Amino acid sequence: MIQSFYRLMIELTNGKWTSSVLKRFALSKVSRFFIPSFAKLYQINESEMEKKLKDYPTLHDFFTRKLKAGARMPDQNPQAVSSPVDAVIEDIGIIEPSHIITVKGKKYSIKEMLGNDEKLEKYSGGHYMIFYLSPSHYHRIHSPVSGKIVDQWTLGRKSYPVNKYGLKYGKDSLSKNYRKITEVKHDGGRFLSIVKVGAMFVNSIEVIHEGDELVKGNEMAYFSFGSTVVLLFEKNSFKPLPSIHVPYDVNVGDCIGYVSPDRVN
């Protein structure tokens, strides 16, 4: 009963019309008057923002705000993987041989998430990590590793909620939502997929890096609203920090584990 109600609510609030209205409002000059109350409601840390509240012309500009230089620094250990976002790590685990991950008791297909059969096998048996960004979080995405982009592609159209309730009751949000995927061969010589998943109402995921080289800690994209990032690690290539127990708060640059060309799983 509860699941049916939640799914119905998602359907009613995720249509093309409502998405369009929300987007137009966030981009409008009128929306700037809502920035102070939004910042207060979500307890935004104004001291680390690049600008003052009054200097953001729209709510969209505030959502996609940058931080002051040096506010987020990546772990300098060359084998350390840095958190790509300010977020809550909602889940971490091993990708099953059947290419399934289990999140909040619900099974998600990596085959559907990636939409590419040729890439599946390298991730079977590897780790996955799921980062949820609420409206209170900084919305820019930074590279978790240094390396070379080997492929990028976009999948999906609609987007359902990706918070803990959306993951539990939604319609396969991680594997069917609008998403942009970046596959990287990092300096450890192994592969990592960075899956940027759109959230309810707003599908905007803007990729901003140039060229095919990523530097750990540098910006690579941003969300226009709260959303989710999924990291998929090649089998035997990553060891997460044992101190991470979900849900776990992280900021951009925090060490979340280590990559190695050796077998570490």
C-alpha atoms as a PDB file:
ATOM      1  CA  MET A   1       0.000   0.000   0.000  1.00  0.00           C
ATOM      2  CA  ILE A   2       2.759   2.442   1.023  1.00  0.00           C
ATOM      3  CA  GLN A   3       4.857   1.494  -1.999  1.00  0.00           C
ATOM      4  CA  SER A   4       1.910   1.996  -4.364  1.00  0.00           C
ATOM      5  CA  PHE A   5       1.146   5.409  -2.874  1.00  0.00           C
ATOM      6  CA  TYR A   6       4.758   6.529  -3.132  1.00  0.00           C
ATOM      7  CA  ARG A   7       5.043   5.410  -6.748  1.00  0.00           C
ATOM      8  CA  LEU A   8       1.784   7.201  -7.617  1.00  0.00           C
ATOM      9  CA  MET A   9       3.095  10.386  -6.014  1.00  0.00           C
ATOM     10  CA  ILE A  10       6.290  10.111  -8.081  1.00  0.00           C
ATOM     11  CA  GLU A  11       4.309   9.702 -11.302  1.00  0.00           C
ATOM     12  CA  LEU A  12       2.093  12.702 -10.550  1.00  0.00           C
ATOM     13  CA  THR A  13       4.980  15.025  -9.717  1.00  0.00           C
ATOM     14  CA  ASN A  14       7.406  13.963 -12.416  1.00  0.00           C
ATOM     15  CA  GLY A  15       5.602  14.836 -15.613  1.00  0.00           C
ATOM     16  CA  LYS A  16       6.951  16.901 -18.460  1.00  0.00           C
ATOM     17  CA  TRP A  17       4.758  19.877 -17.507  1.00  0.00           C
ATOM     18  CA  THR A  18       5.793  20.005 -13.828  1.00  0.00           C
ATOM     19  CA  SER A  19       9.455  19.582 -14.747  1.00  0.00           C
ATOM     20  CA  SER A  20       9.195  22.443 -17.218  1.00  0.00           C
ATOM     21  CA  VAL A  21       7.496  24.738 -14.697  1.00  0.00           C
ATOM     22  CA  LEU A  22      10.128  24.057 -12.028  1.00  0.00           C
ATOM     23  CA  LYS A  23      12.964  24.647 -14.464  1.00  0.00           C
ATOM     24  CA  ARG A  24      11.504  27.931 -15.729  1.00  0.00           C
ATOM     25  CA  PHE A  25      10.987  29.152 -12.175  1.00  0.00           C
ATOM     26  CA  ALA A  26      14.540  28.285 -11.072  1.00  0.00           C
ATOM     27  CA  LEU A  27      15.916  30.217 -14.056  1.00  0.00           C
ATOM     28  CA  SER A  28      13.670  33.243 -13.515  1.00  0.00           C
ATOM     29  CA  LYS A  29      14.762  36.479 -11.840  1.00  0.00           C
ATOM     30  CA  VAL A  30      11.846  36.149  -9.424  1.00  0.00           C
ATOM     31  CA  SER A  31      13.398  33.002  -7.962  1.00  0.00           C
ATOM     32  CA  ARG A  32      16.264  35.013  -6.428  1.00  0.00           C
ATOM     33  CA  PHE A  33      13.910  36.209  -3.703  1.00  0.00           C
ATOM     34  CA  PHE A  34      13.642  32.612  -2.471  1.00  0.00           C
ATOM     35  CA  ILE A  35      17.400  32.114  -2.110  1.00  0.00           C
ATOM     36  CA  PRO A  36      17.738  33.445   1.494  1.00  0.00           C
ATOM     37  CA  SER A  37      14.898  31.270   2.808  1.00  0.00           C
ATOM     38  CA  PHE A  38      16.226  28.258   0.891  1.00  0.00           C
ATOM     39  CA  ALA A  39      19.706  28.780   2.335  1.00  0.00           C
ATOM     40  CA  LYS A  40      18.267  29.073   5.839  1.00  0.00           C
ATOM     41  CA  LEU A  41      16.000  26.040   5.479  1.00  0.00           C
ATOM     42  CA  TYR A  42      18.828  23.795   4.259  1.00  0.00           C
ATOM     43  CA  GLN A  43      21.488  25.342   6.525  1.00  0.00           C
ATOM     44  CA  ILE A  44      23.848  26.221   3.688  1.00  0.00           C
ATOM     45  CA  ASN A  45      27.358  27.111   4.824  1.00  0.00           C
ATOM     46  CA  GLU A  46      27.636  30.621   3.400  1.00  0.00           C
ATOM     47  CA  SER A  47      31.215  31.125   4.594  1.00  0.00           C
ATOM     48  CA  GLU A  48      32.608  28.725   1.977  1.00  0.00           C
ATOM     49  CA  MET A  49      30.590  30.037  -0.982  1.00  0.00           C
ATOM     50  CA  GLU A  50      32.348  31.912  -3.774  1.00  0.00           C
ATOM     51  CA  LYS A  51      29.705  34.698  -3.675  1.00  0.00           C
ATOM     52  CA  LYS A  52      27.301  36.211  -1.195  1.00  0.00           C
ATOM     53  CA  LEU A  53      23.616  35.239  -1.321  1.00  0.00           C
ATOM     54  CA  LYS A  54      22.608  38.577  -2.830  1.00  0.00           C
ATOM     55  CA  ASP A  55      24.990  38.077  -5.763  1.00  0.00           C
ATOM     56  CA  TYR A  56      23.184  35.036  -7.226  1.00  0.00           C
ATOM     57  CA  PRO A  57      20.710  36.255  -9.892  1.00  0.00           C
ATOM     58  CA  THR A  58      18.540  33.094  -9.878  1.00  0.00           C
ATOM     59  CA  LEU A  59      17.841  30.030  -7.788  1.00  0.00           C
ATOM     60  CA  HIS A  60      19.506  27.962 -10.521  1.00  0.00           C
ATOM     61  CA  ASP A  61      22.715  29.967 -10.131  1.00  0.00           C
ATOM     62  CA  PHE A  62      22.585  29.326  -6.400  1.00  0.00           C
ATOM     63  CA  PHE A  63      21.986  25.578  -6.879  1.00  0.00           C
ATOM     64  CA  THR A  64      25.060  25.369  -9.100  1.00  0.00           C
ATOM     65  CA  ARG A  65      27.224  27.653  -6.963  1.00  0.00           C
ATOM     66  CA  LYS A  66      30.980  27.303  -6.767  1.00  0.00           C
ATOM     67  CA  LEU A  67      32.987  27.376  -3.555  1.00  0.00           C
ATOM     68  CA  LYS A  68      35.941  29.509  -2.582  1.00  0.00           C
ATOM     69  CA  ALA A  69      39.319  28.359  -3.868  1.00  0.00           C
ATOM     70  CA  GLY A  70      40.774  25.769  -1.503  1.00  0.00           C
ATOM     71  CA  ALA A  71      37.450  24.954   0.185  1.00  0.00           C
ATOM     72  CA  ARG A  72      37.722  21.364  -1.065  1.00  0.00           C
ATOM     73  CA  MET A  73      41.086  19.662  -1.599  1.00  0.00           C
ATOM     74  CA  PRO A  74      41.601  16.065  -2.821  1.00  0.00           C
ATOM     75  CA  ASP A  75      43.601  13.529  -0.830  1.00  0.00           C
ATOM     76  CA  GLN A  76      47.175  13.768  -2.159  1.00  0.00           C
ATOM     77  CA  ASN A  77      48.023  10.061  -1.902  1.00  0.00           C
ATOM     78  CA  PRO A  78      48.269   9.003  -5.582  1.00  0.00           C
ATOM     79  CA  GLN A  79      46.384   5.768  -4.855  1.00  0.00           C
ATOM     80  CA  ALA A  80      43.610   7.463  -2.869  1.00  0.00           C
ATOM     81  CA  VAL A  81      40.176   7.815  -4.458  1.00  0.00           C
ATOM     82  CA  SER A  82      38.529  11.114  -3.506  1.00  0.00           C
ATOM     83  CA  SER A  83      34.827  11.632  -3.010  1.00  0.00           C
ATOM     84  CA  PRO A  84      33.524  13.248  -6.212  1.00  0.00           C
ATOM     85  CA  VAL A  85      30.782  15.163  -4.383  1.00  0.00           C
ATOM     86  CA  ASP A  86      29.538  16.544  -1.084  1.00  0.00           C
ATOM     87  CA  ALA A  87      27.006  13.851  -0.279  1.00  0.00           C
ATOM     88  CA  VAL A  88      25.853  10.974   1.867  1.00  0.00           C
ATOM     89  CA  ILE A  89      27.209   7.574   0.894  1.00  0.00           C
ATOM     90  CA  GLU A  90      23.944   5.646   0.935  1.00  0.00           C
ATOM     91  CA  ASP A  91      25.372   2.254   0.047  1.00  0.00           C
ATOM     92  CA  ILE A  92      28.548   0.371  -0.787  1.00  0.00           C
ATOM     93  CA  GLY A  93      29.000  -3.229  -1.829  1.00  0.00           C
ATOM     94  CA  ILE A  94      30.071  -5.779  -4.387  1.00  0.00           C
ATOM     95  CA  ILE A  95      28.533  -6.094  -7.852  1.00  0.00           C
ATOM     96  CA  GLU A  96      27.134  -9.612  -8.120  1.00  0.00           C
ATOM     97  CA  PRO A  97      28.212 -11.975 -10.931  1.00  0.00           C
ATOM     98  CA  SER A  98      24.724 -11.491 -12.412  1.00  0.00           C
ATOM     99  CA  HIS A  99      25.513  -7.735 -12.703  1.00  0.00           C
ATOM    100  CA  ILE A 100      23.112  -6.856  -9.893  1.00  0.00           C
ATOM    101  CA  ILE A 101      23.601  -4.498  -6.943  1.00  0.00           C
ATOM    102  CA  THR A 102      21.262  -4.490  -3.951  1.00  0.00           C
ATOM    103  CA  VAL A 103      20.438  -1.066  -2.540  1.00  0.00           C
ATOM    104  CA  LYS A 104      17.964  -0.519   0.322  1.00  0.00           C
ATOM    105  CA  GLY A 105      16.750  -4.087  -0.218  1.00  0.00           C
ATOM    106  CA  LYS A 106      16.013  -3.446  -3.913  1.00  0.00           C
ATOM    107  CA  LYS A 107      17.928  -4.999  -6.803  1.00  0.00           C
ATOM    108  CA  TYR A 108      19.311  -2.797  -9.578  1.00  0.00           C
ATOM    109  CA  SER A 109      20.744  -3.957 -12.864  1.00  0.00           C
ATOM    110  CA  ILE A 110      24.216  -2.726 -13.819  1.00  0.00           C
ATOM    111  CA  LYS A 111      23.416  -3.910 -17.341  1.00  0.00           C
ATOM    112  CA  GLU A 112      20.527  -1.430 -17.494  1.00  0.00           C
ATOM    113  CA  MET A 113      22.493   1.278 -15.707  1.00  0.00           C
ATOM    114  CA  LEU A 114      25.365   1.161 -18.200  1.00  0.00           C
ATOM    115  CA  GLY A 115      23.314   0.152 -21.254  1.00  0.00           C
ATOM    116  CA  ASN A 116      26.414  -1.439 -22.769  1.00  0.00           C
ATOM    117  CA  ASP A 117      26.942  -5.207 -22.699  1.00  0.00           C
ATOM    118  CA  GLU A 118      30.575  -4.920 -23.743  1.00  0.00           C
ATOM    119  CA  LYS A 119      31.470  -3.059 -20.550  1.00  0.00           C
ATOM    120  CA  LEU A 120      29.705  -5.324 -18.073  1.00  0.00           C
ATOM    121  CA  GLU A 121      32.181  -8.081 -17.357  1.00  0.00           C
ATOM    122  CA  LYS A 122      34.996  -5.887 -16.083  1.00  0.00           C
ATOM    123  CA  TYR A 123      32.725  -4.586 -13.298  1.00  0.00           C
ATOM    124  CA  SER A 124      31.262  -7.919 -12.163  1.00  0.00           C
ATOM    125  CA  GLY A 125      32.704  -8.621  -8.720  1.00  0.00           C
ATOM    126  CA  GLY A 126      33.939  -5.037  -8.332  1.00  0.00           C
ATOM    127  CA  HIS A 127      32.777  -2.466  -5.800  1.00  0.00           C
ATOM    128  CA  TYR A 128      30.010   0.070  -6.193  1.00  0.00           C
ATOM    129  CA  MET A 129      29.411   3.209  -4.122  1.00  0.00           C
ATOM    130  CA  ILE A 130      26.285   5.368  -4.167  1.00  0.00           C
ATOM    131  CA  PHE A 131      26.434   9.074  -3.253  1.00  0.00           C
ATOM    132  CA  TYR A 132      23.195  10.960  -2.652  1.00  0.00           C
ATOM    133  CA  LEU A 133      23.148  14.767  -2.902  1.00  0.00           C
ATOM    134  CA  SER A 134      20.299  16.488  -1.086  1.00  0.00           C
ATOM    135  CA  PRO A 135      19.209  20.059  -1.902  1.00  0.00           C
ATOM    136  CA  SER A 136      21.496  21.205   0.936  1.00  0.00           C
ATOM    137  CA  HIS A 137      24.651  19.926  -0.731  1.00  0.00           C
ATOM    138  CA  TYR A 138      27.159  21.622  -3.017  1.00  0.00           C
ATOM    139  CA  HIS A 139      26.159  20.375  -6.495  1.00  0.00           C
ATOM    140  CA  ARG A 140      29.398  20.303  -8.445  1.00  0.00           C
ATOM    141  CA  ILE A 141      31.055  17.003  -9.340  1.00  0.00           C
ATOM    142  CA  HIS A 142      34.825  16.599  -9.153  1.00  0.00           C
ATOM    143  CA  SER A 143      36.936  13.797 -10.569  1.00  0.00           C
ATOM    144  CA  PRO A 144      37.630  11.101  -7.951  1.00  0.00           C
ATOM    145  CA  VAL A 145      40.834  10.011  -9.736  1.00  0.00           C
ATOM    146  CA  SER A 146      43.349  11.178 -12.297  1.00  0.00           C
ATOM    147  CA  GLY A 147      43.222   9.371 -15.603  1.00  0.00           C
ATOM    148  CA  LYS A 148      42.023   9.306 -19.185  1.00  0.00           C
ATOM    149  CA  ILE A 149      38.408   9.283 -20.334  1.00  0.00           C
ATOM    150  CA  VAL A 150      37.868   6.281 -22.596  1.00  0.00           C
ATOM    151  CA  ASP A 151      34.128   6.726 -23.217  1.00  0.00           C
ATOM    152  CA  GLN A 152      31.116   8.909 -22.381  1.00  0.00           C
ATOM    153  CA  TRP A 153      27.435   8.345 -23.109  1.00  0.00           C
ATOM    154  CA  THR A 154      23.938   9.439 -22.077  1.00  0.00           C
ATOM    155  CA  LEU A 155      20.904   7.257 -21.308  1.00  0.00           C
ATOM    156  CA  GLY A 156      17.344   7.621 -20.005  1.00  0.00           C
ATOM    157  CA  ARG A 157      14.712  10.349 -20.227  1.00  0.00           C
ATOM    158  CA  LYS A 158      12.573  10.768 -17.099  1.00  0.00           C
ATOM    159  CA  SER A 159      13.977  10.964 -13.601  1.00  0.00           C
ATOM    160  CA  TYR A 160      12.485   9.663 -10.384  1.00  0.00           C
ATOM    161  CA  PRO A 161      13.631  10.512  -6.835  1.00  0.00           C
ATOM    162  CA  VAL A 162      17.008   9.132  -5.793  1.00  0.00           C
ATOM    163  CA  ASN A 163      16.852   9.726  -2.039  1.00  0.00           C
ATOM    164  CA  LYS A 164      16.569   6.719   0.304  1.00  0.00           C
ATOM    165  CA  TYR A 165      12.809   6.485  -0.283  1.00  0.00           C
ATOM    166  CA  GLY A 166      13.167   6.734  -4.033  1.00  0.00           C
ATOM    167  CA  LEU A 167      15.826   4.008  -4.008  1.00  0.00           C
ATOM    168  CA  LYS A 168      13.564   1.751  -1.962  1.00  0.00           C
ATOM    169  CA  TYR A 169      10.182   2.395  -3.566  1.00  0.00           C
ATOM    170  CA  GLY A 170      10.905   3.989  -6.926  1.00  0.00           C
ATOM    171  CA  LYS A 171      10.976   2.432 -10.388  1.00  0.00           C
ATOM    172  CA  ASP A 172      14.614   1.374 -10.719  1.00  0.00           C
ATOM    173  CA  SER A 173      15.771   4.978 -10.527  1.00  0.00           C
ATOM    174  CA  LEU A 174      19.493   4.195 -10.631  1.00  0.00           C
ATOM    175  CA  SER A 175      19.272   2.090 -13.761  1.00  0.00           C
ATOM    176  CA  LYS A 176      16.501   3.919 -15.668  1.00  0.00           C
ATOM    177  CA  ASN A 177      16.751   7.615 -14.746  1.00  0.00           C
ATOM    178  CA  TYR A 178      18.302  10.127 -17.121  1.00  0.00           C
ATOM    179  CA  ARG A 179      22.042   9.673 -16.598  1.00  0.00           C
ATOM    180  CA  LYS A 180      25.430  10.569 -18.041  1.00  0.00           C
ATOM    181  CA  ILE A 181      28.230   8.051 -17.737  1.00  0.00           C
ATOM    182  CA  THR A 182      31.960   8.681 -17.911  1.00  0.00           C
ATOM    183  CA  GLU A 183      34.328   5.708 -18.061  1.00  0.00           C
ATOM    184  CA  VAL A 184      37.890   6.437 -16.984  1.00  0.00           C
ATOM    185  CA  LYS A 185      41.122   4.474 -17.125  1.00  0.00           C
ATOM    186  CA  HIS A 186      42.785   5.838 -14.018  1.00  0.00           C
ATOM    187  CA  ASP A 187      46.481   6.090 -13.177  1.00  0.00           C
ATOM    188  CA  GLY A 188      46.383   2.658 -11.539  1.00  0.00           C
ATOM    189  CA  GLY A 189      45.744   1.231 -15.000  1.00  0.00           C
ATOM    190  CA  ARG A 190      42.228   0.001 -14.203  1.00  0.00           C
ATOM    191  CA  PHE A 191      38.711   1.162 -15.119  1.00  0.00           C
ATOM    192  CA  LEU A 192      36.146   3.212 -13.209  1.00  0.00           C
ATOM    193  CA  SER A 193      32.699   4.329 -14.354  1.00  0.00           C
ATOM    194  CA  ILE A 194      31.268   7.569 -12.943  1.00  0.00           C
ATOM    195  CA  VAL A 195      27.483   7.452 -13.338  1.00  0.00           C
ATOM    196  CA  LYS A 196      25.774  10.807 -12.849  1.00  0.00           C
ATOM    197  CA  VAL A 197      22.061  10.192 -12.233  1.00  0.00           C
ATOM    198  CA  GLY A 198      19.352  12.849 -12.721  1.00  0.00           C
ATOM    199  CA  ALA A 199      16.850  13.493  -9.923  1.00  0.00           C
ATOM    200  CA  MET A 200      13.137  14.192  -9.734  1.00  0.00           C
ATOM    201  CA  PHE A 201      11.899  17.186 -11.782  1.00  0.00           C
ATOM    202  CA  VAL A 202      15.257  18.339 -13.169  1.00  0.00           C
ATOM    203  CA  ASN A 203      17.353  16.269 -15.574  1.00  0.00           C
ATOM    204  CA  SER A 204      20.108  18.806 -16.056  1.00  0.00           C
ATOM    205  CA  ILE A 205      23.589  17.309 -15.767  1.00  0.00           C
ATOM    206  CA  GLU A 206      26.134  19.627 -17.316  1.00  0.00           C
ATOM    207  CA  VAL A 207      29.559  18.240 -18.235  1.00  0.00           C
ATOM    208  CA  ILE A 208      32.177  20.988 -18.070  1.00  0.00           C
ATOM    209  CA  HIS A 209      35.592  19.334 -18.326  1.00  0.00           C
ATOM    210  CA  GLU A 210      37.549  19.761 -21.542  1.00  0.00           C
ATOM    211  CA  GLY A 211      39.583  17.116 -23.330  1.00  0.00           C
ATOM    212  CA  ASP A 212      39.955  13.491 -22.285  1.00  0.00           C
ATOM    213  CA  GLU A 213      42.275  13.921 -19.292  1.00  0.00           C
ATOM    214  CA  LEU A 214      40.876  14.125 -15.764  1.00  0.00           C
ATOM    215  CA  VAL A 215      42.809  15.422 -12.766  1.00  0.00           C
ATOM    216  CA  LYS A 216      41.739  14.245  -9.323  1.00  0.00           C
ATOM    217  CA  GLY A 217      39.856  16.998  -7.539  1.00  0.00           C
ATOM    218  CA  ASN A 218      39.122  19.095 -10.621  1.00  0.00           C
ATOM    219  CA  GLU A 219      35.524  19.902 -11.587  1.00  0.00           C
ATOM    220  CA  MET A 220      34.041  17.705 -14.280  1.00  0.00           C
ATOM    221  CA  ALA A 221      30.268  18.385 -14.164  1.00  0.00           C
ATOM    222  CA  TYR A 222      27.425  19.764 -12.080  1.00  0.00           C
ATOM    223  CA  PHE A 223      23.810  18.990 -11.195  1.00  0.00           C
ATOM    224  CA  SER A 224      21.043  21.575 -11.294  1.00  0.00           C
ATOM    225  CA  PHE A 225      19.398  20.006  -8.244  1.00  0.00           C
ATOM    226  CA  GLY A 226      19.916  17.220  -5.707  1.00  0.00           C
ATOM    227  CA  SER A 227      20.832  13.933  -7.333  1.00  0.00           C
ATOM    228  CA  THR A 228      23.096  10.877  -7.176  1.00  0.00           C
ATOM    229  CA  VAL A 229      26.506   9.708  -8.327  1.00  0.00           C
ATOM    230  CA  VAL A 230      27.326   6.007  -8.621  1.00  0.00           C
ATOM    231  CA  LEU A 231      30.933   4.841  -8.824  1.00  0.00           C
ATOM    232  CA  LEU A 232      31.558   1.418 -10.374  1.00  0.00           C
ATOM    233  CA  PHE A 233      35.039  -0.036  -9.921  1.00  0.00           C
ATOM    234  CA  GLU A 234      36.601  -2.752 -12.035  1.00  0.00           C
ATOM    235  CA  LYS A 235      36.960  -6.082 -10.250  1.00  0.00           C
ATOM    236  CA  ASN A 236      40.004  -6.340  -7.970  1.00  0.00           C
ATOM    237  CA  SER A 237      40.921  -2.681  -8.390  1.00  0.00           C
ATOM    238  CA  PHE A 238      39.591  -0.865  -5.315  1.00  0.00           C
ATOM    239  CA  LYS A 239      39.537  -1.227  -1.549  1.00  0.00           C
ATOM    240  CA  PRO A 240      37.123   1.071   0.334  1.00  0.00           C
ATOM    241  CA  LEU A 241      38.032   2.590   3.676  1.00  0.00           C
ATOM    242  CA  PRO A 242      36.938   0.138   6.395  1.00  0.00           C
ATOM    243  CA  SER A 243      35.763   3.088   8.508  1.00  0.00           C
ATOM    244  CA  ILE A 244      32.906   3.861   6.079  1.00  0.00           C
ATOM    245  CA  HIS A 245      29.617   2.666   7.519  1.00  0.00           C
ATOM    246  CA  VAL A 246      26.531   3.817   5.615  1.00  0.00           C
ATOM    247  CA  PRO A 247      24.928   6.280   5.710  1.00  0.00           C
ATOM    248  CA  TYR A 248      28.208   8.211   5.737  1.00  0.00           C
ATOM    249  CA  ASP A 249      28.713  11.945   5.169  1.00  0.00           C
ATOM    250  CA  VAL A 250      31.547  12.990   2.848  1.00  0.00           C
ATOM    251  CA  ASN A 251      32.817  16.131   1.172  1.00  0.00           C
ATOM    252  CA  VAL A 252      34.560  16.521  -2.159  1.00  0.00           C
ATOM    253  CA  GLY A 253      38.173  15.378  -1.792  1.00  0.00           C
ATOM    254  CA  ASP A 254      37.677  13.109   1.227  1.00  0.00           C
ATOM    255  CA  CYS A 255      39.449   9.773   0.809  1.00  0.00           C
ATOM    256  CA  ILE A 256      36.930   6.955   0.293  1.00  0.00           C
ATOM    257  CA  GLY A 257      39.414   4.172  -0.456  1.00  0.00           C
ATOM    258  CA  TYR A 258      42.410   3.181  -2.545  1.00  0.00           C
ATOM    259  CA  VAL A 259      42.982   1.894  -6.069  1.00  0.00           C
ATOM    260  CA  SER A 260      45.718  -0.519  -6.984  1.00  0.00           C
ATOM    261  CA  PRO A 261      46.801  -2.427 -10.088  1.00  0.00           C
ATOM    262  CA  ASP A 262      47.137  -5.449  -7.789  1.00  0.00           C
ATOM    263  CA  ARG A 263      44.317  -7.751  -6.728  1.00  0.00           C
ATOM    264  CA  VAL A 264      42.862  -6.192  -3.593  1.00  0.00           C
ATOM    265  CA  ASN A 265      39.262  -7.509  -3.286  1.00  0.00           C
END
